[in-house]
Amino acid sequence: MPEYNYDASAAYNIKLASGSSLVSRIDYSYSGSSYGSYQPLDYLNVPPTSNPNYHNPGYGVLNASFGLNSRIFDLTLYAKNLGNDRKIIQEPEVNTVFEAYTVRPRTVGVTFKLRFD
């Protein structure tokens, strides 16, 4: 479990004369460093800090979206992990296979929602 986490976000909506809205949002999440591992503890080697993967670094993720909302549809462009942070946050060894887990890489996409009334 991380020592601390924090989140910050901001959203802004602009009403248009047509009744539609331009919407934008930005958020940032930070997970502080933590201690723990997927590897079993070596009870002969106490404390378990001798495991090089016992300490996990902190990391932050910045997300943003911008869109148009109308009475008929919503169209949104979004980006997750804008900074493309690829910090390795865990490096377990499972059955002699070394792995590395990172934050999900930058992802950009579009969502479209159509209303049927």
PDB file of N, CA and C in Angstrom:
ATOM      1  N   MET A   1       0.844  -1.172   0.000  1.00  0.00           N
ATOM      2  CA  MET A   1       0.000   0.000   0.000  1.00  0.00           C
ATOM      3  C   MET A   1       0.891   1.238   0.000  1.00  0.00           C
ATOM      4  N   PRO A   2       0.646   2.183  -0.890  1.00  0.00           N
ATOM      5  CA  PRO A   2       1.471   3.396  -0.940  1.00  0.00           C
ATOM      6  C   PRO A   2       1.391   4.195   0.358  1.00  0.00           C
ATOM      7  N   GLU A   3       2.495   4.883   0.633  1.00  0.00           N
ATOM      8  CA  GLU A   3       2.539   5.756   1.804  1.00  0.00           C
ATOM      9  C   GLU A   3       1.471   6.836   1.707  1.00  0.00           C
ATOM     10  N   TYR A   4       1.269   7.360   0.506  1.00  0.00           N
ATOM     11  CA  TYR A   4       0.252   8.382   0.279  1.00  0.00           C
ATOM     12  C   TYR A   4      -0.140   8.395  -1.190  1.00  0.00           C
ATOM     13  N   ASN A   5      -1.332   8.896  -1.455  1.00  0.00           N
ATOM     14  CA  ASN A   5      -1.866   9.099  -2.805  1.00  0.00           C
ATOM     15  C   ASN A   5      -2.491  10.476  -2.836  1.00  0.00           C
ATOM     16  N   TYR A   6      -2.449  11.119  -3.979  1.00  0.00           N
ATOM     17  CA  TYR A   6      -3.240  12.335  -4.118  1.00  0.00           C
ATOM     18  C   TYR A   6      -3.722  12.474  -5.544  1.00  0.00           C
ATOM     19  N   ASP A   7      -4.857  13.156  -5.669  1.00  0.00           N
ATOM     20  CA  ASP A   7      -5.498  13.388  -6.951  1.00  0.00           C
ATOM     21  C   ASP A   7      -5.888  14.853  -7.034  1.00  0.00           C
ATOM     22  N   ALA A   8      -5.772  15.421  -8.213  1.00  0.00           N
ATOM     23  CA  ALA A   8      -6.224  16.791  -8.464  1.00  0.00           C
ATOM     24  C   ALA A   8      -6.905  16.792  -9.823  1.00  0.00           C
ATOM     25  N   SER A   9      -8.000  17.542  -9.936  1.00  0.00           N
ATOM     26  CA  SER A   9      -8.687  17.600 -11.216  1.00  0.00           C
ATOM     27  C   SER A   9      -9.353  18.954 -11.394  1.00  0.00           C
ATOM     28  N   ALA A  10      -9.590  19.291 -12.640  1.00  0.00           N
ATOM     29  CA  ALA A  10     -10.297  20.525 -12.983  1.00  0.00           C
ATOM     30  C   ALA A  10     -11.155  20.235 -14.206  1.00  0.00           C
ATOM     31  N   ALA A  11     -12.344  20.821 -14.211  1.00  0.00           N
ATOM     32  CA  ALA A  11     -13.257  20.650 -15.341  1.00  0.00           C
ATOM     33  C   ALA A  11     -13.820  22.017 -15.704  1.00  0.00           C
ATOM     34  N   TYR A  12     -14.072  22.202 -16.992  1.00  0.00           N
ATOM     35  CA  TYR A  12     -14.613  23.476 -17.455  1.00  0.00           C
ATOM     36  C   TYR A  12     -15.631  23.195 -18.551  1.00  0.00           C
ATOM     37  N   ASN A  13     -16.801  23.798 -18.441  1.00  0.00           N
ATOM     38  CA  ASN A  13     -17.870  23.641 -19.438  1.00  0.00           C
ATOM     39  C   ASN A  13     -18.228  25.001 -20.004  1.00  0.00           C
ATOM     40  N   ILE A  14     -18.409  25.057 -21.322  1.00  0.00           N
ATOM     41  CA  ILE A  14     -18.839  26.284 -21.994  1.00  0.00           C
ATOM     42  C   ILE A  14     -20.162  25.989 -22.681  1.00  0.00           C
ATOM     43  N   LYS A  15     -21.220  26.670 -22.256  1.00  0.00           N
ATOM     44  CA  LYS A  15     -22.535  26.501 -22.883  1.00  0.00           C
ATOM     45  C   LYS A  15     -22.557  27.256 -24.206  1.00  0.00           C
ATOM     46  N   LEU A  16     -23.024  26.607 -25.248  1.00  0.00           N
ATOM     47  CA  LEU A  16     -23.147  27.223 -26.566  1.00  0.00           C
ATOM     48  C   LEU A  16     -24.594  27.658 -26.795  1.00  0.00           C
ATOM     49  N   ALA A  17     -24.793  28.596 -27.701  1.00  0.00           N
ATOM     50  CA  ALA A  17     -26.135  29.115 -27.993  1.00  0.00           C
ATOM     51  C   ALA A  17     -27.081  28.014 -28.483  1.00  0.00           C
ATOM     52  N   SER A  18     -26.540  26.981 -29.097  1.00  0.00           N
ATOM     53  CA  SER A  18     -27.352  25.887 -29.631  1.00  0.00           C
ATOM     54  C   SER A  18     -27.889  24.966 -28.536  1.00  0.00           C
ATOM     55  N   GLY A  19     -27.444  25.174 -27.307  1.00  0.00           N
ATOM     56  CA  GLY A  19     -27.834  24.280 -26.214  1.00  0.00           C
ATOM     57  C   GLY A  19     -26.804  23.195 -25.968  1.00  0.00           C
ATOM     58  N   SER A  20     -25.820  23.083 -26.840  1.00  0.00           N
ATOM     59  CA  SER A  20     -24.731  22.130 -26.650  1.00  0.00           C
ATOM     60  C   SER A  20     -23.709  22.716 -25.685  1.00  0.00           C
ATOM     61  N   SER A  21     -22.750  21.899 -25.295  1.00  0.00           N
ATOM     62  CA  SER A  21     -21.685  22.349 -24.395  1.00  0.00           C
ATOM     63  C   SER A  21     -20.342  21.828 -24.863  1.00  0.00           C
ATOM     64  N   LEU A  22     -19.312  22.658 -24.743  1.00  0.00           N
ATOM     65  CA  LEU A  22     -17.937  22.203 -24.884  1.00  0.00           C
ATOM     66  C   LEU A  22     -17.472  21.856 -23.483  1.00  0.00           C
ATOM     67  N   VAL A  23     -16.924  20.677 -23.324  1.00  0.00           N
ATOM     68  CA  VAL A  23     -16.504  20.219 -22.001  1.00  0.00           C
ATOM     69  C   VAL A  23     -15.029  19.838 -22.030  1.00  0.00           C
ATOM     70  N   SER A  24     -14.326  20.158 -20.958  1.00  0.00           N
ATOM     71  CA  SER A  24     -12.919  19.769 -20.861  1.00  0.00           C
ATOM     72  C   SER A  24     -12.637  19.340 -19.434  1.00  0.00           C
ATOM     73  N   ARG A  25     -11.672  18.472 -19.297  1.00  0.00           N
ATOM     74  CA  ARG A  25     -11.301  17.969 -17.974  1.00  0.00           C
ATOM     75  C   ARG A  25      -9.834  17.572 -18.014  1.00  0.00           C
ATOM     76  N   ILE A  26      -9.149  17.833 -16.903  1.00  0.00           N
ATOM     77  CA  ILE A  26      -7.774  17.395 -16.731  1.00  0.00           C
ATOM     78  C   ILE A  26      -7.647  16.854 -15.314  1.00  0.00           C
ATOM     79  N   ASP A  27      -6.936  15.743 -15.158  1.00  0.00           N
ATOM     80  CA  ASP A  27      -6.726  15.221 -13.813  1.00  0.00           C
ATOM     81  C   ASP A  27      -5.341  14.607 -13.697  1.00  0.00           C
ATOM     82  N   TYR A  28      -4.846  14.638 -12.490  1.00  0.00           N
ATOM     83  CA  TYR A  28      -3.519  14.110 -12.194  1.00  0.00           C
ATOM     84  C   TYR A  28      -3.633  13.240 -10.947  1.00  0.00           C
ATOM     85  N   SER A  29      -3.110  12.036 -11.007  1.00  0.00           N
ATOM     86  CA  SER A  29      -3.101  11.118  -9.872  1.00  0.00           C
ATOM     87  C   SER A  29      -1.666  10.742  -9.567  1.00  0.00           C
ATOM     88  N   TYR A  30      -1.331  10.757  -8.288  1.00  0.00           N
ATOM     89  CA  TYR A  30       0.018  10.363  -7.871  1.00  0.00           C
ATOM     90  C   TYR A  30      -0.089   9.290  -6.798  1.00  0.00           C
ATOM     91  N   SER A  31       0.654   8.219  -6.979  1.00  0.00           N
ATOM     92  CA  SER A  31       0.764   7.169  -5.965  1.00  0.00           C
ATOM     93  C   SER A  31       2.176   7.218  -5.432  1.00  0.00           C
ATOM     94  N   GLY A  32       2.290   7.400  -4.134  1.00  0.00           N
ATOM     95  CA  GLY A  32       3.608   7.473  -3.506  1.00  0.00           C
ATOM     96  C   GLY A  32       4.299   6.122  -3.490  1.00  0.00           C
ATOM     97  N   SER A  33       5.522   6.128  -3.060  1.00  0.00           N
ATOM     98  CA  SER A  33       6.283   4.881  -3.003  1.00  0.00           C
ATOM     99  C   SER A  33       5.638   3.925  -2.008  1.00  0.00           C
ATOM    100  N   SER A  34       5.905   2.653  -2.201  1.00  0.00           N
ATOM    101  CA  SER A  34       5.326   1.630  -1.327  1.00  0.00           C
ATOM    102  C   SER A  34       6.340   0.514  -1.130  1.00  0.00           C
ATOM    103  N   TYR A  35       6.010  -0.351  -0.219  1.00  0.00           N
ATOM    104  CA  TYR A  35       6.847  -1.515   0.069  1.00  0.00           C
ATOM    105  C   TYR A  35       5.991  -2.759  -0.076  1.00  0.00           C
ATOM    106  N   GLY A  36       6.527  -3.727  -0.767  1.00  0.00           N
ATOM    107  CA  GLY A  36       5.818  -4.984  -0.979  1.00  0.00           C
ATOM    108  C   GLY A  36       6.330  -5.632  -2.243  1.00  0.00           C
ATOM    109  N   SER A  37       6.049  -6.896  -2.399  1.00  0.00           N
ATOM    110  CA  SER A  37       6.551  -7.619  -3.546  1.00  0.00           C
ATOM    111  C   SER A  37       5.638  -8.785  -3.857  1.00  0.00           C
ATOM    112  N   TYR A  38       5.659  -9.210  -5.102  1.00  0.00           N
ATOM    113  CA  TYR A  38       4.926 -10.408  -5.498  1.00  0.00           C
ATOM    114  C   TYR A  38       5.721 -11.661  -5.153  1.00  0.00           C
ATOM    115  N   GLN A  39       6.970 -11.490  -4.795  1.00  0.00           N
ATOM    116  CA  GLN A  39       7.819 -12.619  -4.469  1.00  0.00           C
ATOM    117  C   GLN A  39       7.577 -13.048  -3.028  1.00  0.00           C
ATOM    118  N   PRO A  40       7.627 -14.341  -2.748  1.00  0.00           N
ATOM    119  CA  PRO A  40       7.447 -14.786  -1.363  1.00  0.00           C
ATOM    120  C   PRO A  40       8.618 -14.311  -0.501  1.00  0.00           C
ATOM    121  N   LEU A  41       8.333 -14.093   0.767  1.00  0.00           N
ATOM    122  CA  LEU A  41       9.376 -13.654   1.694  1.00  0.00           C
ATOM    123  C   LEU A  41      10.334 -14.802   1.989  1.00  0.00           C
ATOM    124  N   ASP A  42      11.583 -14.463   2.125  1.00  0.00           N
ATOM    125  CA  ASP A  42      12.601 -15.428   2.542  1.00  0.00           C
ATOM    126  C   ASP A  42      12.717 -15.287   4.056  1.00  0.00           C
ATOM    127  N   TYR A  43      12.092 -16.200   4.791  1.00  0.00           N
ATOM    128  CA  TYR A  43      12.017 -16.074   6.244  1.00  0.00           C
ATOM    129  C   TYR A  43      13.381 -16.253   6.912  1.00  0.00           C
ATOM    130  N   LEU A  44      14.360 -16.757   6.179  1.00  0.00           N
ATOM    131  CA  LEU A  44      15.711 -16.855   6.736  1.00  0.00           C
ATOM    132  C   LEU A  44      16.455 -15.537   6.601  1.00  0.00           C
ATOM    133  N   ASN A  45      15.914 -14.630   5.816  1.00  0.00           N
ATOM    134  CA  ASN A  45      16.575 -13.369   5.512  1.00  0.00           C
ATOM    135  C   ASN A  45      15.683 -12.216   5.985  1.00  0.00           C
ATOM    136  N   VAL A  46      15.603 -12.006   7.274  1.00  0.00           N
ATOM    137  CA  VAL A  46      14.734 -10.978   7.848  1.00  0.00           C
ATOM    138  C   VAL A  46      15.582  -9.782   8.210  1.00  0.00           C
ATOM    139  N   PRO A  47      15.216  -8.543   7.921  1.00  0.00           N
ATOM    140  CA  PRO A  47      13.947  -8.128   7.328  1.00  0.00           C
ATOM    141  C   PRO A  47      13.928  -8.389   5.826  1.00  0.00           C
ATOM    142  N   PRO A  48      12.750  -8.378   5.224  1.00  0.00           N
ATOM    143  CA  PRO A  48      12.621  -8.720   3.802  1.00  0.00           C
ATOM    144  C   PRO A  48      13.161  -7.651   2.863  1.00  0.00           C
ATOM    145  N   THR A  49      13.750  -6.579   3.387  1.00  0.00           N
ATOM    146  CA  THR A  49      14.270  -5.528   2.521  1.00  0.00           C
ATOM    147  C   THR A  49      15.459  -5.990   1.696  1.00  0.00           C
ATOM    148  N   SER A  50      15.972  -7.214   1.934  1.00  0.00           N
ATOM    149  CA  SER A  50      17.049  -7.735   1.094  1.00  0.00           C
ATOM    150  C   SER A  50      16.536  -8.070  -0.307  1.00  0.00           C
ATOM    151  N   ASN A  51      15.229  -8.144  -0.464  1.00  0.00           N
ATOM    152  CA  ASN A  51      14.618  -8.353  -1.775  1.00  0.00           C
ATOM    153  C   ASN A  51      14.737  -7.037  -2.552  1.00  0.00           C
ATOM    154  N   PRO A  52      15.450  -6.994  -3.674  1.00  0.00           N
ATOM    155  CA  PRO A  52      15.644  -5.735  -4.391  1.00  0.00           C
ATOM    156  C   PRO A  52      14.350  -5.152  -4.956  1.00  0.00           C
ATOM    157  N   ASN A  53      13.299  -5.944  -5.027  1.00  0.00           N
ATOM    158  CA  ASN A  53      12.026  -5.461  -5.550  1.00  0.00           C
ATOM    159  C   ASN A  53      11.030  -5.126  -4.450  1.00  0.00           C
ATOM    160  N   TYR A  54      11.507  -5.049  -3.216  1.00  0.00           N
ATOM    161  CA  TYR A  54      10.610  -4.781  -2.097  1.00  0.00           C
ATOM    162  C   TYR A  54      10.153  -3.326  -2.065  1.00  0.00           C
ATOM    163  N   HIS A  55      10.986  -2.403  -2.545  1.00  0.00           N
ATOM    164  CA  HIS A  55      10.619  -0.979  -2.582  1.00  0.00           C
ATOM    165  C   HIS A  55      10.117  -0.627  -3.977  1.00  0.00           C
ATOM    166  N   ASN A  56       8.917  -0.035  -4.048  1.00  0.00           N
ATOM    167  CA  ASN A  56       8.320   0.364  -5.322  1.00  0.00           C
ATOM    168  C   ASN A  56       8.295   1.886  -5.392  1.00  0.00           C
ATOM    169  N   PRO A  57       8.773   2.477  -6.479  1.00  0.00           N
ATOM    170  CA  PRO A  57       8.823   3.941  -6.575  1.00  0.00           C
ATOM    171  C   PRO A  57       7.442   4.557  -6.770  1.00  0.00           C
ATOM    172  N   GLY A  58       7.318   5.822  -6.440  1.00  0.00           N
ATOM    173  CA  GLY A  58       6.085   6.549  -6.693  1.00  0.00           C
ATOM    174  C   GLY A  58       5.978   6.900  -8.175  1.00  0.00           C
ATOM    175  N   TYR A  59       4.772   7.201  -8.620  1.00  0.00           N
ATOM    176  CA  TYR A  59       4.566   7.574 -10.021  1.00  0.00           C
ATOM    177  C   TYR A  59       3.310   8.429 -10.144  1.00  0.00           C
ATOM    178  N   GLY A  60       3.255   9.225 -11.198  1.00  0.00           N
ATOM    179  CA  GLY A  60       2.107  10.085 -11.448  1.00  0.00           C
ATOM    180  C   GLY A  60       1.576   9.888 -12.855  1.00  0.00           C
ATOM    181  N   VAL A  61       0.283  10.124 -13.029  1.00  0.00           N
ATOM    182  CA  VAL A  61      -0.362   9.973 -14.329  1.00  0.00           C
ATOM    183  C   VAL A  61      -1.246  11.193 -14.588  1.00  0.00           C
ATOM    184  N   LEU A  62      -1.057  11.820 -15.758  1.00  0.00           N
ATOM    185  CA  LEU A  62      -1.836  12.986 -16.171  1.00  0.00           C
ATOM    186  C   LEU A  62      -2.784  12.569 -17.284  1.00  0.00           C
ATOM    187  N   ASN A  63      -4.083  12.862 -17.125  1.00  0.00           N
ATOM    188  CA  ASN A  63      -5.110  12.530 -18.112  1.00  0.00           C
ATOM    189  C   ASN A  63      -5.847  13.800 -18.515  1.00  0.00           C
ATOM    190  N   ALA A  64      -6.388  13.830 -19.720  1.00  0.00           N
ATOM    191  CA  ALA A  64      -7.151  14.993 -20.174  1.00  0.00           C
ATOM    192  C   ALA A  64      -8.208  14.543 -21.178  1.00  0.00           C
ATOM    193  N   SER A  65      -9.283  15.349 -21.270  1.00  0.00           N
ATOM    194  CA  SER A  65     -10.307  15.083 -22.284  1.00  0.00           C
ATOM    195  C   SER A  65     -10.945  16.401 -22.705  1.00  0.00           C
ATOM    196  N   PHE A  66     -11.465  16.402 -23.921  1.00  0.00           N
ATOM    197  CA  PHE A  66     -12.119  17.572 -24.484  1.00  0.00           C
ATOM    198  C   PHE A  66     -13.244  17.062 -25.375  1.00  0.00           C
ATOM    199  N   GLY A  67     -14.428  17.670 -25.251  1.00  0.00           N
ATOM    200  CA  GLY A  67     -15.521  17.139 -26.055  1.00  0.00           C
ATOM    201  C   GLY A  67     -16.657  18.107 -26.292  1.00  0.00           C
ATOM    202  N   LEU A  68     -17.637  17.614 -27.046  1.00  0.00           N
ATOM    203  CA  LEU A  68     -18.850  18.348 -27.378  1.00  0.00           C
ATOM    204  C   LEU A  68     -20.033  17.496 -26.931  1.00  0.00           C
ATOM    205  N   ASN A  69     -20.886  18.064 -26.094  1.00  0.00           N
ATOM    206  CA  ASN A  69     -22.101  17.379 -25.652  1.00  0.00           C
ATOM    207  C   ASN A  69     -23.304  18.103 -26.231  1.00  0.00           C
ATOM    208  N   SER A  70     -24.178  17.363 -26.878  1.00  0.00           N
ATOM    209  CA  SER A  70     -25.406  17.944 -27.429  1.00  0.00           C
ATOM    210  C   SER A  70     -26.594  17.126 -26.936  1.00  0.00           C
ATOM    211  N   ARG A  71     -27.791  17.510 -27.350  1.00  0.00           N
ATOM    212  CA  ARG A  71     -28.983  16.752 -26.953  1.00  0.00           C
ATOM    213  C   ARG A  71     -29.026  15.383 -27.633  1.00  0.00           C
ATOM    214  N   ILE A  72     -28.325  15.258 -28.767  1.00  0.00           N
ATOM    215  CA  ILE A  72     -28.378  14.024 -29.552  1.00  0.00           C
ATOM    216  C   ILE A  72     -27.153  13.128 -29.316  1.00  0.00           C
ATOM    217  N   PHE A  73     -25.992  13.729 -29.126  1.00  0.00           N
ATOM    218  CA  PHE A  73     -24.778  12.928 -29.004  1.00  0.00           C
ATOM    219  C   PHE A  73     -23.746  13.616 -28.105  1.00  0.00           C
ATOM    220  N   ASP A  74     -22.766  12.824 -27.670  1.00  0.00           N
ATOM    221  CA  ASP A  74     -21.568  13.309 -26.978  1.00  0.00           C
ATOM    222  C   ASP A  74     -20.370  12.782 -27.767  1.00  0.00           C
ATOM    223  N   LEU A  75     -19.416  13.651 -28.052  1.00  0.00           N
ATOM    224  CA  LEU A  75     -18.195  13.278 -28.751  1.00  0.00           C
ATOM    225  C   LEU A  75     -17.023  13.763 -27.909  1.00  0.00           C
ATOM    226  N   THR A  76     -16.128  12.852 -27.518  1.00  0.00           N
ATOM    227  CA  THR A  76     -15.025  13.201 -26.626  1.00  0.00           C
ATOM    228  C   THR A  76     -13.706  12.653 -27.143  1.00  0.00           C
ATOM    229  N   LEU A  77     -12.690  13.496 -27.141  1.00  0.00           N
ATOM    230  CA  LEU A  77     -11.310  13.096 -27.414  1.00  0.00           C
ATOM    231  C   LEU A  77     -10.620  13.018 -26.066  1.00  0.00           C
ATOM    232  N   TYR A  78      -9.947  11.902 -25.779  1.00  0.00           N
ATOM    233  CA  TYR A  78      -9.282  11.759 -24.489  1.00  0.00           C
ATOM    234  C   TYR A  78      -7.844  11.280 -24.660  1.00  0.00           C
ATOM    235  N   ALA A  79      -7.045  11.573 -23.656  1.00  0.00           N
ATOM    236  CA  ALA A  79      -5.662  11.085 -23.604  1.00  0.00           C
ATOM    237  C   ALA A  79      -5.377  10.671 -22.166  1.00  0.00           C
ATOM    238  N   LYS A  80      -4.864   9.482 -21.999  1.00  0.00           N
ATOM    239  CA  LYS A  80      -4.490   8.976 -20.679  1.00  0.00           C
ATOM    240  C   LYS A  80      -2.972   8.837 -20.635  1.00  0.00           C
ATOM    241  N   ASN A  81      -2.391   9.194 -19.506  1.00  0.00           N
ATOM    242  CA  ASN A  81      -0.937   9.195 -19.317  1.00  0.00           C
ATOM    243  C   ASN A  81      -0.271  10.099 -20.363  1.00  0.00           C
ATOM    244  N   LEU A  82      -0.690  11.353 -20.375  1.00  0.00           N
ATOM    245  CA  LEU A  82      -0.161  12.327 -21.347  1.00  0.00           C
ATOM    246  C   LEU A  82       1.359  12.431 -21.327  1.00  0.00           C
ATOM    247  N   GLY A  83       1.957  12.319 -20.154  1.00  0.00           N
ATOM    248  CA  GLY A  83       3.416  12.401 -20.042  1.00  0.00           C
ATOM    249  C   GLY A  83       4.123  11.133 -20.473  1.00  0.00           C
ATOM    250  N   ASN A  84       3.369  10.098 -20.805  1.00  0.00           N
ATOM    251  CA  ASN A  84       3.892   8.799 -21.226  1.00  0.00           C
ATOM    252  C   ASN A  84       4.916   8.258 -20.225  1.00  0.00           C
ATOM    253  N   ASP A  85       4.600   8.372 -18.942  1.00  0.00           N
ATOM    254  CA  ASP A  85       5.464   7.866 -17.875  1.00  0.00           C
ATOM    255  C   ASP A  85       5.591   6.355 -18.011  1.00  0.00           C
ATOM    256  N   ARG A  86       6.795   5.872 -18.182  1.00  0.00           N
ATOM    257  CA  ARG A  86       7.036   4.428 -18.342  1.00  0.00           C
ATOM    258  C   ARG A  86       7.887   3.873 -17.221  1.00  0.00           C
ATOM    259  N   LYS A  87       7.812   4.549 -16.084  1.00  0.00           N
ATOM    260  CA  LYS A  87       8.597   4.102 -14.934  1.00  0.00           C
ATOM    261  C   LYS A  87       8.207   2.669 -14.566  1.00  0.00           C
ATOM    262  N   ILE A  88       9.199   1.852 -14.301  1.00  0.00           N
ATOM    263  CA  ILE A  88       8.936   0.485 -13.851  1.00  0.00           C
ATOM    264  C   ILE A  88       8.537   0.562 -12.387  1.00  0.00           C
ATOM    265  N   ILE A  89       7.343   0.066 -12.087  1.00  0.00           N
ATOM    266  CA  ILE A  89       6.841   0.181 -10.721  1.00  0.00           C
ATOM    267  C   ILE A  89       6.908  -1.142  -9.950  1.00  0.00           C
ATOM    268  N   GLN A  90       7.265  -2.225 -10.597  1.00  0.00           N
ATOM    269  CA  GLN A  90       7.440  -3.512  -9.932  1.00  0.00           C
ATOM    270  C   GLN A  90       8.199  -4.427 -10.875  1.00  0.00           C
ATOM    271  N   GLU A  91       9.173  -5.176 -10.348  1.00  0.00           N
ATOM    272  CA  GLU A  91       9.969  -6.108 -11.151  1.00  0.00           C
ATOM    273  C   GLU A  91      10.016  -7.472 -10.481  1.00  0.00           C
ATOM    274  N   PRO A  92       8.921  -8.188 -10.508  1.00  0.00           N
ATOM    275  CA  PRO A  92       8.921  -9.482  -9.830  1.00  0.00           C
ATOM    276  C   PRO A  92       9.644 -10.564 -10.626  1.00  0.00           C
ATOM    277  N   GLU A  93      10.101 -11.557  -9.894  1.00  0.00           N
ATOM    278  CA  GLU A  93      10.631 -12.770 -10.502  1.00  0.00           C
ATOM    279  C   GLU A  93       9.644 -13.866 -10.148  1.00  0.00           C
ATOM    280  N   VAL A  94       9.002 -14.433 -11.153  1.00  0.00           N
ATOM    281  CA  VAL A  94       8.012 -15.470 -10.936  1.00  0.00           C
ATOM    282  C   VAL A  94       8.504 -16.731 -11.633  1.00  0.00           C
ATOM    283  N   ASN A  95       8.783 -17.761 -10.877  1.00  0.00           N
ATOM    284  CA  ASN A  95       9.295 -19.024 -11.420  1.00  0.00           C
ATOM    285  C   ASN A  95      10.501 -18.797 -12.318  1.00  0.00           C
ATOM    286  N   THR A  96      11.454 -18.048 -11.853  1.00  0.00           N
ATOM    287  CA  THR A  96      12.724 -17.705 -12.522  1.00  0.00           C
ATOM    288  C   THR A  96      12.552 -16.845 -13.771  1.00  0.00           C
ATOM    289  N   VAL A  97      11.361 -16.311 -13.986  1.00  0.00           N
ATOM    290  CA  VAL A  97      11.123 -15.407 -15.109  1.00  0.00           C
ATOM    291  C   VAL A  97      10.999 -13.995 -14.545  1.00  0.00           C
ATOM    292  N   PHE A  98      11.849 -13.086 -15.039  1.00  0.00           N
ATOM    293  CA  PHE A  98      11.798 -11.705 -14.582  1.00  0.00           C
ATOM    294  C   PHE A  98      10.797 -10.933 -15.436  1.00  0.00           C
ATOM    295  N   GLU A  99       9.960 -10.158 -14.774  1.00  0.00           N
ATOM    296  CA  GLU A  99       8.961  -9.348 -15.452  1.00  0.00           C
ATOM    297  C   GLU A  99       9.117  -7.904 -14.992  1.00  0.00           C
ATOM    298  N   ALA A 100       8.503  -6.985 -15.722  1.00  0.00           N
ATOM    299  CA  ALA A 100       8.502  -5.582 -15.315  1.00  0.00           C
ATOM    300  C   ALA A 100       7.117  -5.016 -15.577  1.00  0.00           C
ATOM    301  N   TYR A 101       6.529  -4.419 -14.543  1.00  0.00           N
ATOM    302  CA  TYR A 101       5.222  -3.793 -14.667  1.00  0.00           C
ATOM    303  C   TYR A 101       5.398  -2.284 -14.702  1.00  0.00           C
ATOM    304  N   THR A 102       4.735  -1.659 -15.653  1.00  0.00           N
ATOM    305  CA  THR A 102       4.811  -0.202 -15.793  1.00  0.00           C
ATOM    306  C   THR A 102       3.398   0.370 -15.759  1.00  0.00           C
ATOM    307  N   VAL A 103       3.344   1.690 -15.708  1.00  0.00           N
ATOM    308  CA  VAL A 103       2.066   2.374 -15.873  1.00  0.00           C
ATOM    309  C   VAL A 103       1.645   2.162 -17.336  1.00  0.00           C
ATOM    310  N   ARG A 104       0.356   2.076 -17.573  1.00  0.00           N
ATOM    311  CA  ARG A 104      -0.122   1.911 -18.954  1.00  0.00           C
ATOM    312  C   ARG A 104       0.438   3.036 -19.818  1.00  0.00           C
ATOM    313  N   PRO A 105       0.999   2.737 -20.992  1.00  0.00           N
ATOM    314  CA  PRO A 105       1.559   3.792 -21.849  1.00  0.00           C
ATOM    315  C   PRO A 105       0.486   4.782 -22.316  1.00  0.00           C
ATOM    316  N   ARG A 106       0.952   5.900 -22.869  1.00  0.00           N
ATOM    317  CA  ARG A 106       0.014   6.925 -23.359  1.00  0.00           C
ATOM    318  C   ARG A 106      -1.033   6.269 -24.256  1.00  0.00           C
ATOM    319  N   THR A 107      -2.278   6.620 -24.008  1.00  0.00           N
ATOM    320  CA  THR A 107      -3.398   6.094 -24.780  1.00  0.00           C
ATOM    321  C   THR A 107      -4.262   7.271 -25.204  1.00  0.00           C
ATOM    322  N   VAL A 108      -4.538   7.370 -26.502  1.00  0.00           N
ATOM    323  CA  VAL A 108      -5.363   8.448 -27.038  1.00  0.00           C
ATOM    324  C   VAL A 108      -6.541   7.797 -27.755  1.00  0.00           C
ATOM    325  N   GLY A 109      -7.733   8.367 -27.569  1.00  0.00           N
ATOM    326  CA  GLY A 109      -8.897   7.775 -28.213  1.00  0.00           C
ATOM    327  C   GLY A 109     -10.059   8.740 -28.324  1.00  0.00           C
ATOM    328  N   VAL A 110     -11.118   8.245 -28.900  1.00  0.00           N
ATOM    329  CA  VAL A 110     -12.342   9.018 -29.097  1.00  0.00           C
ATOM    330  C   VAL A 110     -13.501   8.162 -28.614  1.00  0.00           C
ATOM    331  N   THR A 111     -14.430   8.811 -27.915  1.00  0.00           N
ATOM    332  CA  THR A 111     -15.679   8.127 -27.558  1.00  0.00           C
ATOM    333  C   THR A 111     -16.835   8.876 -28.211  1.00  0.00           C
ATOM    334  N   PHE A 112     -17.848   8.118 -28.588  1.00  0.00           N
ATOM    335  CA  PHE A 112     -19.044   8.694 -29.201  1.00  0.00           C
ATOM    336  C   PHE A 112     -20.249   8.037 -28.562  1.00  0.00           C
ATOM    337  N   LYS A 113     -21.153   8.843 -28.042  1.00  0.00           N
ATOM    338  CA  LYS A 113     -22.385   8.342 -27.439  1.00  0.00           C
ATOM    339  C   LYS A 113     -23.559   8.973 -28.164  1.00  0.00           C
ATOM    340  N   LEU A 114     -24.464   8.135 -28.636  1.00  0.00           N
ATOM    341  CA  LEU A 114     -25.650   8.587 -29.351  1.00  0.00           C
ATOM    342  C   LEU A 114     -26.868   8.306 -28.482  1.00  0.00           C
ATOM    343  N   ARG A 115     -27.750   9.298 -28.348  1.00  0.00           N
ATOM    344  CA  ARG A 115     -28.939   9.146 -27.525  1.00  0.00           C
ATOM    345  C   ARG A 115     -30.153   8.781 -28.406  1.00  0.00           C
ATOM    346  N   PHE A 116     -30.922   7.789 -27.966  1.00  0.00           N
ATOM    347  CA  PHE A 116     -32.152   7.400 -28.639  1.00  0.00           C
ATOM    348  C   PHE A 116     -33.303   7.717 -27.704  1.00  0.00           C
ATOM    349  N   ASP A 117     -34.017   8.789 -27.964  1.00  0.00           N
ATOM    350  CA  ASP A 117     -35.134   9.167 -27.093  1.00  0.00           C
ATOM    351  C   ASP A 117     -36.466   8.913 -27.755  1.00  0.00           C
TER     352      ASP A 117
END
